[in-house]
Each structure stands twice: as C-alpha cells, then as structure tokens.
Amino acid sequence: MTGLDLAFAAVGAIAAASGLLAVTTRHVVHAALWLVVCLGSVAGCYLVLGAELVALVQVLVYVGAVVVLVLFALMLTRAPIGPRAEISTSPLHRTLAAVLGAGVTALLASVLLPLAHPVDRHETDTSVLSRELFGTWVWPFEVLSLLLLVALVAALAVSRVGTSREEGA
C-alpha cells in the first residue's frame, strides 16, 4: 500500500464520517457545517487522485456556493436552529432507517466492489476538459445556476411573507 493509498483512505474515511454526521445530526446548522467538511474531503479525494481541476471546481461550486446558499437560506427563513421535539422521530423509526441504510449500502457494495479493478489511466489535457465543459455541459451548468438563484429568491420571499403577517397582526 502506497502513501497515496493511505491518504485516499484517510480522506475517504473523513468524507464518509462527516457525511454520516451531516445526515444524522439534529441541528440544521451543524448539518450544513458537516456538509462543508464532507464536500471538502471529497475535494481532497480528487486531489489525491490527481484531478486538481475537479477538486477546484468541487471547492468553488459545492463548498463555496451551495453550502453558502443553504446557510443563507437558513438565516433568511429563520429556520429553527436547535432540535425540535415536535418533528423528532421515535427511536424505532431511526433504527429502521439505519437498518435500511445499511442494507442499501451492502447492496451497492456487493454490486460495485466486484467491478473495482485497476483502470488504464490516460493523461488528458485541460483543453479537452474545457471543450467538454463549455461545449457539451454549459447548458446544464447554466440551468443549475438559475435553479440556485430561484431557490435564493424563494427563500427571500418566504422570509418576507412571515414579516408581513407579523406587521399586519
């Protein structure tokens, strides 16, 4: 096992653990912060694999934009920060969800792990990647940016509806 393999395993374990914490925590802001750690460690996995451009895009788009958008929407909508008893689930439901998640993980692992074999890497140039990114994939990225803008405007509208009701009362 090489040093790169160990680094990839360590960063992958951090990504898996922080992803698990992001979906299991009861605090919304803590979940968003664990998401930052998870997405940052995925960028670290890309760096270990030698895909620096993809790691940079991961940090800029996901860590820099999406998580900031989530935190901004949480602040605008005045979402409850702490755990809420009225929306909590029973321990039985949490146990069943954990068993179901473990079953899906085992099913995916049983299908994907036999397919894992060393692949022949071929070096590519960033000009090839840029042609694909700005040729084939430019419209999906633009639609995604419009979707994020609509989500931000909707969060602002939802936050304004609550204040106008309070002023009228």
C-alpha atoms as a PDB file:
ATOM      1  CA  MET A   1       0.000   0.000   0.000  1.00  0.00           C
ATOM      2  CA  THR A   2       1.468   3.330  -1.042  1.00  0.00           C
ATOM      3  CA  GLY A   3       1.292   6.668   0.713  1.00  0.00           C
ATOM      4  CA  LEU A   4      -1.304   7.880  -1.796  1.00  0.00           C
ATOM      5  CA  ASP A   5      -3.482   4.890  -0.989  1.00  0.00           C
ATOM      6  CA  LEU A   6      -3.277   5.670   2.707  1.00  0.00           C
ATOM      7  CA  ALA A   7      -4.022   9.345   2.090  1.00  0.00           C
ATOM      8  CA  PHE A   8      -7.006   8.445  -0.065  1.00  0.00           C
ATOM      9  CA  ALA A   9      -8.310   6.035   2.583  1.00  0.00           C
ATOM     10  CA  ALA A  10      -7.913   8.631   5.333  1.00  0.00           C
ATOM     11  CA  VAL A  11      -9.626  11.411   3.376  1.00  0.00           C
ATOM     12  CA  GLY A  12     -12.331   8.977   2.254  1.00  0.00           C
ATOM     13  CA  ALA A  13     -12.964   7.937   5.856  1.00  0.00           C
ATOM     14  CA  ILE A  14     -13.294  11.606   6.843  1.00  0.00           C
ATOM     15  CA  ALA A  15     -15.743  12.111   3.964  1.00  0.00           C
ATOM     16  CA  ALA A  16     -17.826   9.115   4.987  1.00  0.00           C
ATOM     17  CA  ALA A  17     -17.865  10.031   8.674  1.00  0.00           C
ATOM     18  CA  SER A  18     -18.743  13.677   8.069  1.00  0.00           C
ATOM     19  CA  GLY A  19     -21.424  12.690   5.568  1.00  0.00           C
ATOM     20  CA  LEU A  20     -22.926  10.386   8.163  1.00  0.00           C
ATOM     21  CA  LEU A  21     -22.813  13.150  10.755  1.00  0.00           C
ATOM     22  CA  ALA A  22     -24.400  15.589   8.288  1.00  0.00           C
ATOM     23  CA  VAL A  23     -27.483  13.428   7.904  1.00  0.00           C
ATOM     24  CA  THR A  24     -27.779  12.267  11.495  1.00  0.00           C
ATOM     25  CA  THR A  25     -27.315  15.474  13.464  1.00  0.00           C
ATOM     26  CA  ARG A  26     -30.384  17.178  14.869  1.00  0.00           C
ATOM     27  CA  HIS A  27     -29.058  20.711  14.405  1.00  0.00           C
ATOM     28  CA  VAL A  28     -29.633  22.154  10.935  1.00  0.00           C
ATOM     29  CA  VAL A  29     -26.636  24.472  11.039  1.00  0.00           C
ATOM     30  CA  HIS A  30     -24.406  21.655  12.287  1.00  0.00           C
ATOM     31  CA  ALA A  31     -25.626  19.529   9.368  1.00  0.00           C
ATOM     32  CA  ALA A  32     -24.647  22.284   6.933  1.00  0.00           C
ATOM     33  CA  LEU A  33     -21.213  22.585   8.535  1.00  0.00           C
ATOM     34  CA  TRP A  34     -20.677  18.814   8.414  1.00  0.00           C
ATOM     35  CA  LEU A  35     -21.659  19.044   4.746  1.00  0.00           C
ATOM     36  CA  VAL A  36     -18.821  21.540   4.276  1.00  0.00           C
ATOM     37  CA  VAL A  37     -16.394  19.047   5.810  1.00  0.00           C
ATOM     38  CA  CYS A  38     -17.751  16.208   3.671  1.00  0.00           C
ATOM     39  CA  LEU A  39     -17.583  18.134   0.405  1.00  0.00           C
ATOM     40  CA  GLY A  40     -14.136  19.473   1.283  1.00  0.00           C
ATOM     41  CA  SER A  41     -12.857  15.984   1.938  1.00  0.00           C
ATOM     42  CA  VAL A  42     -14.309  14.804  -1.379  1.00  0.00           C
ATOM     43  CA  ALA A  43     -12.227  17.571  -2.976  1.00  0.00           C
ATOM     44  CA  GLY A  44      -9.275  16.133  -1.052  1.00  0.00           C
ATOM     45  CA  CYS A  45     -10.011  12.732  -2.598  1.00  0.00           C
ATOM     46  CA  TYR A  46      -9.905  14.361  -6.033  1.00  0.00           C
ATOM     47  CA  LEU A  47      -6.555  15.936  -5.175  1.00  0.00           C
ATOM     48  CA  VAL A  48      -5.115  12.597  -4.105  1.00  0.00           C
ATOM     49  CA  LEU A  49      -6.328  11.073  -7.359  1.00  0.00           C
ATOM     50  CA  GLY A  50      -4.554  13.806  -9.326  1.00  0.00           C
ATOM     51  CA  ALA A  51      -7.632  15.661 -10.589  1.00  0.00           C
ATOM     52  CA  GLU A  52      -6.738  19.141  -9.402  1.00  0.00           C
ATOM     53  CA  LEU A  53      -9.203  20.941 -11.676  1.00  0.00           C
ATOM     54  CA  VAL A  54     -12.111  18.806 -10.490  1.00  0.00           C
ATOM     55  CA  ALA A  55     -11.069  19.429  -6.873  1.00  0.00           C
ATOM     56  CA  LEU A  56     -11.031  23.175  -7.513  1.00  0.00           C
ATOM     57  CA  VAL A  57     -14.484  23.044  -9.100  1.00  0.00           C
ATOM     58  CA  GLN A  58     -15.700  20.972  -6.138  1.00  0.00           C
ATOM     59  CA  VAL A  59     -14.485  23.594  -3.689  1.00  0.00           C
ATOM     60  CA  LEU A  60     -15.743  26.566  -5.685  1.00  0.00           C
ATOM     61  CA  VAL A  61     -19.149  25.233  -6.683  1.00  0.00           C
ATOM     62  CA  TYR A  62     -20.187  22.956  -3.859  1.00  0.00           C
ATOM     63  CA  VAL A  63     -18.323  24.167  -0.800  1.00  0.00           C
ATOM     64  CA  GLY A  64     -18.261  27.793  -1.826  1.00  0.00           C
ATOM     65  CA  ALA A  65     -21.669  28.241  -3.408  1.00  0.00           C
ATOM     66  CA  VAL A  66     -24.129  25.542  -2.455  1.00  0.00           C
ATOM     67  CA  VAL A  67     -23.329  25.419   1.247  1.00  0.00           C
ATOM     68  CA  VAL A  68     -23.293  29.213   1.480  1.00  0.00           C
ATOM     69  CA  LEU A  69     -26.669  29.209  -0.252  1.00  0.00           C
ATOM     70  CA  VAL A  70     -28.009  26.684   2.268  1.00  0.00           C
ATOM     71  CA  LEU A  71     -26.724  28.682   5.229  1.00  0.00           C
ATOM     72  CA  PHE A  72     -28.053  31.925   3.729  1.00  0.00           C
ATOM     73  CA  ALA A  73     -31.475  30.329   3.176  1.00  0.00           C
ATOM     74  CA  LEU A  74     -31.484  29.075   6.777  1.00  0.00           C
ATOM     75  CA  MET A  75     -30.762  32.567   8.044  1.00  0.00           C
ATOM     76  CA  LEU A  76     -33.355  34.202   5.798  1.00  0.00           C
ATOM     77  CA  THR A  77     -36.181  31.829   6.620  1.00  0.00           C
ATOM     78  CA  ARG A  78     -35.431  31.957  10.337  1.00  0.00           C
ATOM     79  CA  ALA A  79     -35.377  28.187  10.485  1.00  0.00           C
ATOM     80  CA  PRO A  80     -35.183  26.722  13.987  1.00  0.00           C
ATOM     81  CA  ILE A  81     -31.566  26.157  14.901  1.00  0.00           C
ATOM     82  CA  GLY A  82     -31.825  23.532  17.634  1.00  0.00           C
ATOM     83  CA  PRO A  83     -33.590  20.191  17.779  1.00  0.00           C
ATOM     84  CA  ARG A  84     -37.388  20.319  17.819  1.00  0.00           C
ATOM     85  CA  ALA A  85     -39.421  17.766  19.767  1.00  0.00           C
ATOM     86  CA  GLU A  86     -42.475  18.042  17.504  1.00  0.00           C
ATOM     87  CA  ILE A  87     -40.556  16.981  14.396  1.00  0.00           C
ATOM     88  CA  SER A  88     -38.424  14.319  16.044  1.00  0.00           C
ATOM     89  CA  THR A  89     -38.877  10.659  15.172  1.00  0.00           C
ATOM     90  CA  SER A  90     -39.087   7.730  17.506  1.00  0.00           C
ATOM     91  CA  PRO A  91     -36.064   5.514  18.223  1.00  0.00           C
ATOM     92  CA  LEU A  92     -37.784   2.696  16.325  1.00  0.00           C
ATOM     93  CA  HIS A  93     -38.012   4.806  13.173  1.00  0.00           C
ATOM     94  CA  ARG A  94     -34.372   5.838  13.485  1.00  0.00           C
ATOM     95  CA  THR A  95     -33.338   2.205  13.955  1.00  0.00           C
ATOM     96  CA  LEU A  96     -35.362   1.100  10.939  1.00  0.00           C
ATOM     97  CA  ALA A  97     -33.845   3.912   8.860  1.00  0.00           C
ATOM     98  CA  ALA A  98     -30.344   2.847   9.941  1.00  0.00           C
ATOM     99  CA  VAL A  99     -31.049  -0.787   9.039  1.00  0.00           C
ATOM    100  CA  LEU A 100     -32.466   0.257   5.674  1.00  0.00           C
ATOM    101  CA  GLY A 101     -29.438   2.490   5.019  1.00  0.00           C
ATOM    102  CA  ALA A 102     -27.057  -0.323   5.940  1.00  0.00           C
ATOM    103  CA  GLY A 103     -28.947  -2.687   3.643  1.00  0.00           C
ATOM    104  CA  VAL A 104     -28.729  -0.292   0.703  1.00  0.00           C
ATOM    105  CA  THR A 105     -25.029   0.233   1.416  1.00  0.00           C
ATOM    106  CA  ALA A 106     -24.424  -3.518   1.483  1.00  0.00           C
ATOM    107  CA  LEU A 107     -26.369  -3.975  -1.750  1.00  0.00           C
ATOM    108  CA  LEU A 108     -24.407  -1.246  -3.511  1.00  0.00           C
ATOM    109  CA  ALA A 109     -21.117  -2.594  -2.170  1.00  0.00           C
ATOM    110  CA  SER A 110     -21.938  -6.117  -3.352  1.00  0.00           C
ATOM    111  CA  VAL A 111     -22.596  -4.797  -6.840  1.00  0.00           C
ATOM    112  CA  LEU A 112     -19.836  -2.202  -7.135  1.00  0.00           C
ATOM    113  CA  LEU A 113     -16.886  -3.798  -5.330  1.00  0.00           C
ATOM    114  CA  PRO A 114     -16.503  -6.690  -7.804  1.00  0.00           C
ATOM    115  CA  LEU A 115     -16.318  -4.088 -10.556  1.00  0.00           C
ATOM    116  CA  ALA A 116     -13.414  -2.271  -8.892  1.00  0.00           C
ATOM    117  CA  HIS A 117     -10.300  -3.096 -10.804  1.00  0.00           C
ATOM    118  CA  PRO A 118      -7.334  -1.033 -11.885  1.00  0.00           C
ATOM    119  CA  VAL A 119      -8.100   1.018 -14.951  1.00  0.00           C
ATOM    120  CA  ASP A 120      -5.700   2.285 -17.535  1.00  0.00           C
ATOM    121  CA  ARG A 121      -5.265   5.990 -16.981  1.00  0.00           C
ATOM    122  CA  HIS A 122      -4.571   8.166 -19.910  1.00  0.00           C
ATOM    123  CA  GLU A 123      -3.311  11.684 -19.484  1.00  0.00           C
ATOM    124  CA  THR A 124      -5.625  14.357 -20.776  1.00  0.00           C
ATOM    125  CA  ASP A 125      -5.167  17.997 -21.373  1.00  0.00           C
ATOM    126  CA  THR A 126      -7.273  20.732 -19.795  1.00  0.00           C
ATOM    127  CA  SER A 127      -8.206  21.874 -23.304  1.00  0.00           C
ATOM    128  CA  VAL A 128     -10.139  18.619 -23.801  1.00  0.00           C
ATOM    129  CA  LEU A 129     -11.883  19.111 -20.477  1.00  0.00           C
ATOM    130  CA  SER A 130     -12.679  22.744 -21.268  1.00  0.00           C
ATOM    131  CA  ARG A 131     -14.150  21.804 -24.647  1.00  0.00           C
ATOM    132  CA  GLU A 132     -16.430  19.288 -22.939  1.00  0.00           C
ATOM    133  CA  LEU A 133     -17.294  21.629 -20.077  1.00  0.00           C
ATOM    134  CA  PHE A 134     -18.025  24.705 -22.169  1.00  0.00           C
ATOM    135  CA  GLY A 135     -19.406  22.812 -25.148  1.00  0.00           C
ATOM    136  CA  THR A 136     -21.497  19.880 -24.023  1.00  0.00           C
ATOM    137  CA  TRP A 137     -22.116  20.743 -20.381  1.00  0.00           C
ATOM    138  CA  VAL A 138     -22.517  24.519 -20.451  1.00  0.00           C
ATOM    139  CA  TRP A 139     -26.332  24.457 -20.529  1.00  0.00           C
ATOM    140  CA  PRO A 140     -26.802  22.108 -17.568  1.00  0.00           C
ATOM    141  CA  PHE A 141     -24.486  24.340 -15.513  1.00  0.00           C
ATOM    142  CA  GLU A 142     -26.439  27.428 -16.540  1.00  0.00           C
ATOM    143  CA  VAL A 143     -29.757  25.763 -15.654  1.00  0.00           C
ATOM    144  CA  LEU A 144     -28.292  24.765 -12.290  1.00  0.00           C
ATOM    145  CA  SER A 145     -27.213  28.350 -11.609  1.00  0.00           C
ATOM    146  CA  LEU A 146     -30.717  29.573 -12.453  1.00  0.00           C
ATOM    147  CA  LEU A 147     -32.189  26.942 -10.134  1.00  0.00           C
ATOM    148  CA  LEU A 148     -29.953  28.137  -7.294  1.00  0.00           C
ATOM    149  CA  LEU A 149     -30.960  31.746  -7.997  1.00  0.00           C
ATOM    150  CA  VAL A 150     -34.656  30.804  -7.889  1.00  0.00           C
ATOM    151  CA  ALA A 151     -34.091  28.983  -4.584  1.00  0.00           C
ATOM    152  CA  LEU A 152     -32.432  32.084  -3.141  1.00  0.00           C
ATOM    153  CA  VAL A 153     -35.257  34.361  -4.307  1.00  0.00           C
ATOM    154  CA  ALA A 154     -37.816  31.888  -2.923  1.00  0.00           C
ATOM    155  CA  ALA A 155     -36.037  31.874   0.448  1.00  0.00           C
ATOM    156  CA  LEU A 156     -36.159  35.659   0.462  1.00  0.00           C
ATOM    157  CA  ALA A 157     -39.867  35.609  -0.443  1.00  0.00           C
ATOM    158  CA  VAL A 158     -40.655  33.093   2.305  1.00  0.00           C
ATOM    159  CA  SER A 159     -38.818  35.215   4.848  1.00  0.00           C
ATOM    160  CA  ARG A 160     -40.761  38.318   3.752  1.00  0.00           C
ATOM    161  CA  VAL A 161     -44.154  36.560   3.997  1.00  0.00           C
ATOM    162  CA  GLY A 162     -43.571  35.913   7.712  1.00  0.00           C
ATOM    163  CA  THR A 163     -42.654  39.554   8.406  1.00  0.00           C
ATOM    164  CA  SER A 164     -45.663  40.953   6.530  1.00  0.00           C
ATOM    165  CA  ARG A 165     -48.018  38.739   8.562  1.00  0.00           C
ATOM    166  CA  GLU A 166     -46.405  39.899  11.788  1.00  0.00           C
ATOM    167  CA  GLU A 167     -46.778  43.571  10.765  1.00  0.00           C
ATOM    168  CA  GLY A 168     -50.477  43.087   9.936  1.00  0.00           C
ATOM    169  CA  ALA A 169     -51.261  41.458  13.281  1.00  0.00           C
END
